Amino acid sequence: MTQKDVILILAVIGALAILGFILRVTFALLGPLMLIAIGYFIYRAWQKQGGGR
């Protein structure tokens, strides 16, 4: 096994760890973001229906 192989394996492991962290943060924030989005769309529909400015 050459030094390039070791570096490649470490790079792949590091990339997978970072990807897993990003996915965990994304799914942790998914609930609050969905609530904010639903509230925003309800607000926009209410503004249009109420004849907002």
N, C-alpha and C. Protein backbone atom coordinates (compact mmCIF):
# COMPACT_ATOMS: atom_id res chain seq x y z
N MET A 1 0.86 -1.18 0.00
CA MET A 1 0.00 0.00 0.00
C MET A 1 0.90 1.24 0.00
N THR A 2 0.66 2.10 -0.97
CA THR A 2 1.50 3.30 -1.07
C THR A 2 0.91 4.43 -0.25
N GLN A 3 1.65 5.51 -0.20
CA GLN A 3 1.18 6.67 0.57
C GLN A 3 -0.06 7.28 -0.07
N LYS A 4 -0.16 7.22 -1.41
CA LYS A 4 -1.34 7.75 -2.09
C LYS A 4 -2.59 6.96 -1.69
N ASP A 5 -2.45 5.65 -1.55
CA ASP A 5 -3.60 4.83 -1.15
C ASP A 5 -4.08 5.22 0.24
N VAL A 6 -3.14 5.42 1.16
CA VAL A 6 -3.51 5.80 2.53
C VAL A 6 -4.22 7.14 2.53
N ILE A 7 -3.69 8.10 1.78
CA ILE A 7 -4.31 9.43 1.71
C ILE A 7 -5.71 9.33 1.11
N LEU A 8 -5.87 8.51 0.08
CA LEU A 8 -7.18 8.33 -0.55
C LEU A 8 -8.19 7.75 0.43
N ILE A 9 -7.78 6.73 1.18
CA ILE A 9 -8.69 6.10 2.15
C ILE A 9 -9.08 7.10 3.23
N LEU A 10 -8.10 7.85 3.75
CA LEU A 10 -8.41 8.86 4.77
C LEU A 10 -9.33 9.95 4.22
N ALA A 11 -9.13 10.33 2.97
CA ALA A 11 -9.99 11.36 2.37
C ALA A 11 -11.42 10.86 2.24
N VAL A 12 -11.58 9.59 1.83
CA VAL A 12 -12.92 9.02 1.70
C VAL A 12 -13.60 8.95 3.06
N ILE A 13 -12.89 8.49 4.07
CA ILE A 13 -13.46 8.39 5.42
C ILE A 13 -13.84 9.78 5.92
N GLY A 14 -12.99 10.77 5.71
CA GLY A 14 -13.29 12.13 6.13
C GLY A 14 -14.50 12.70 5.41
N ALA A 15 -14.61 12.43 4.11
CA ALA A 15 -15.75 12.92 3.34
C ALA A 15 -17.05 12.29 3.85
N LEU A 16 -17.03 11.00 4.14
CA LEU A 16 -18.22 10.32 4.65
C LEU A 16 -18.62 10.87 6.02
N ALA A 17 -17.63 11.15 6.87
CA ALA A 17 -17.93 11.70 8.19
C ALA A 17 -18.56 13.08 8.07
N ILE A 18 -18.01 13.92 7.19
CA ILE A 18 -18.57 15.26 7.00
C ILE A 18 -19.97 15.18 6.41
N LEU A 19 -20.18 14.29 5.45
CA LEU A 19 -21.50 14.13 4.84
C LEU A 19 -22.51 13.67 5.88
N GLY A 20 -22.12 12.74 6.73
CA GLY A 20 -23.02 12.28 7.79
C GLY A 20 -23.39 13.41 8.75
N PHE A 21 -22.42 14.24 9.09
CA PHE A 21 -22.68 15.37 9.99
C PHE A 21 -23.65 16.35 9.34
N ILE A 22 -23.43 16.65 8.05
CA ILE A 22 -24.31 17.59 7.34
C ILE A 22 -25.73 17.04 7.27
N LEU A 23 -25.86 15.75 6.99
CA LEU A 23 -27.20 15.15 6.93
C LEU A 23 -27.89 15.19 8.28
N ARG A 24 -27.12 14.93 9.36
CA ARG A 24 -27.72 14.95 10.70
C ARG A 24 -28.23 16.36 11.03
N VAL A 25 -27.43 17.38 10.72
CA VAL A 25 -27.85 18.77 10.98
C VAL A 25 -29.07 19.12 10.13
N THR A 26 -29.07 18.68 8.86
CA THR A 26 -30.19 18.97 7.97
C THR A 26 -31.48 18.38 8.51
N PHE A 27 -31.46 17.11 8.93
CA PHE A 27 -32.68 16.49 9.42
C PHE A 27 -33.09 17.06 10.78
N ALA A 28 -32.13 17.53 11.55
CA ALA A 28 -32.48 18.15 12.84
C ALA A 28 -33.21 19.47 12.60
N LEU A 29 -32.84 20.19 11.54
CA LEU A 29 -33.47 21.48 11.26
C LEU A 29 -34.70 21.37 10.37
N LEU A 30 -34.98 20.16 9.85
CA LEU A 30 -36.07 20.00 8.89
C LEU A 30 -37.42 20.33 9.51
N GLY A 31 -37.67 19.89 10.74
CA GLY A 31 -38.96 20.16 11.38
C GLY A 31 -39.25 21.64 11.55
N PRO A 32 -38.38 22.39 12.23
CA PRO A 32 -38.61 23.83 12.37
C PRO A 32 -38.71 24.56 11.03
N LEU A 33 -37.89 24.17 10.05
CA LEU A 33 -37.96 24.83 8.75
C LEU A 33 -39.30 24.57 8.07
N MET A 34 -39.83 23.36 8.20
CA MET A 34 -41.13 23.05 7.61
C MET A 34 -42.22 23.88 8.27
N LEU A 35 -42.17 24.03 9.60
CA LEU A 35 -43.18 24.83 10.30
C LEU A 35 -43.11 26.29 9.85
N ILE A 36 -41.90 26.82 9.71
CA ILE A 36 -41.74 28.20 9.27
C ILE A 36 -42.29 28.37 7.85
N ALA A 37 -41.99 27.40 6.96
CA ALA A 37 -42.46 27.49 5.58
C ALA A 37 -43.98 27.42 5.51
N ILE A 38 -44.59 26.51 6.27
CA ILE A 38 -46.05 26.39 6.27
C ILE A 38 -46.68 27.68 6.80
N GLY A 39 -46.14 28.21 7.87
CA GLY A 39 -46.65 29.46 8.42
C GLY A 39 -46.53 30.60 7.43
N TYR A 40 -45.41 30.65 6.71
CA TYR A 40 -45.21 31.72 5.73
C TYR A 40 -46.24 31.63 4.60
N PHE A 41 -46.49 30.40 4.10
CA PHE A 41 -47.45 30.26 3.01
C PHE A 41 -48.87 30.56 3.47
N ILE A 42 -49.20 30.19 4.71
CA ILE A 42 -50.52 30.53 5.25
C ILE A 42 -50.65 32.05 5.36
N TYR A 43 -49.61 32.71 5.82
CA TYR A 43 -49.61 34.18 5.95
C TYR A 43 -49.79 34.83 4.58
N ARG A 44 -49.07 34.34 3.56
CA ARG A 44 -49.18 34.91 2.21
C ARG A 44 -50.59 34.71 1.66
N ALA A 45 -51.15 33.51 1.85
CA ALA A 45 -52.51 33.26 1.35
C ALA A 45 -53.51 34.16 2.07
N TRP A 46 -53.32 34.36 3.36
CA TRP A 46 -54.23 35.21 4.14
C TRP A 46 -54.13 36.66 3.67
N GLN A 47 -52.90 37.11 3.35
CA GLN A 47 -52.71 38.48 2.86
C GLN A 47 -53.43 38.67 1.52
N LYS A 48 -53.29 37.69 0.61
CA LYS A 48 -53.94 37.80 -0.70
C LYS A 48 -55.45 37.75 -0.54
N GLN A 49 -55.93 36.84 0.28
CA GLN A 49 -57.38 36.67 0.45
C GLN A 49 -57.99 37.89 1.15
N GLY A 50 -57.23 38.50 2.04
CA GLY A 50 -57.73 39.65 2.78
C GLY A 50 -57.57 40.96 2.04
N GLY A 51 -57.10 40.89 0.82
CA GLY A 51 -56.92 42.11 0.05
C GLY A 51 -55.82 42.98 0.63
N GLY A 52 -54.70 42.37 0.94
CA GLY A 52 -53.58 43.12 1.50
C GLY A 52 -53.04 44.15 0.54
N ARG A 53 -52.18 45.03 1.05
CA ARG A 53 -51.65 46.11 0.22
C ARG A 53 -51.04 45.52 -1.01
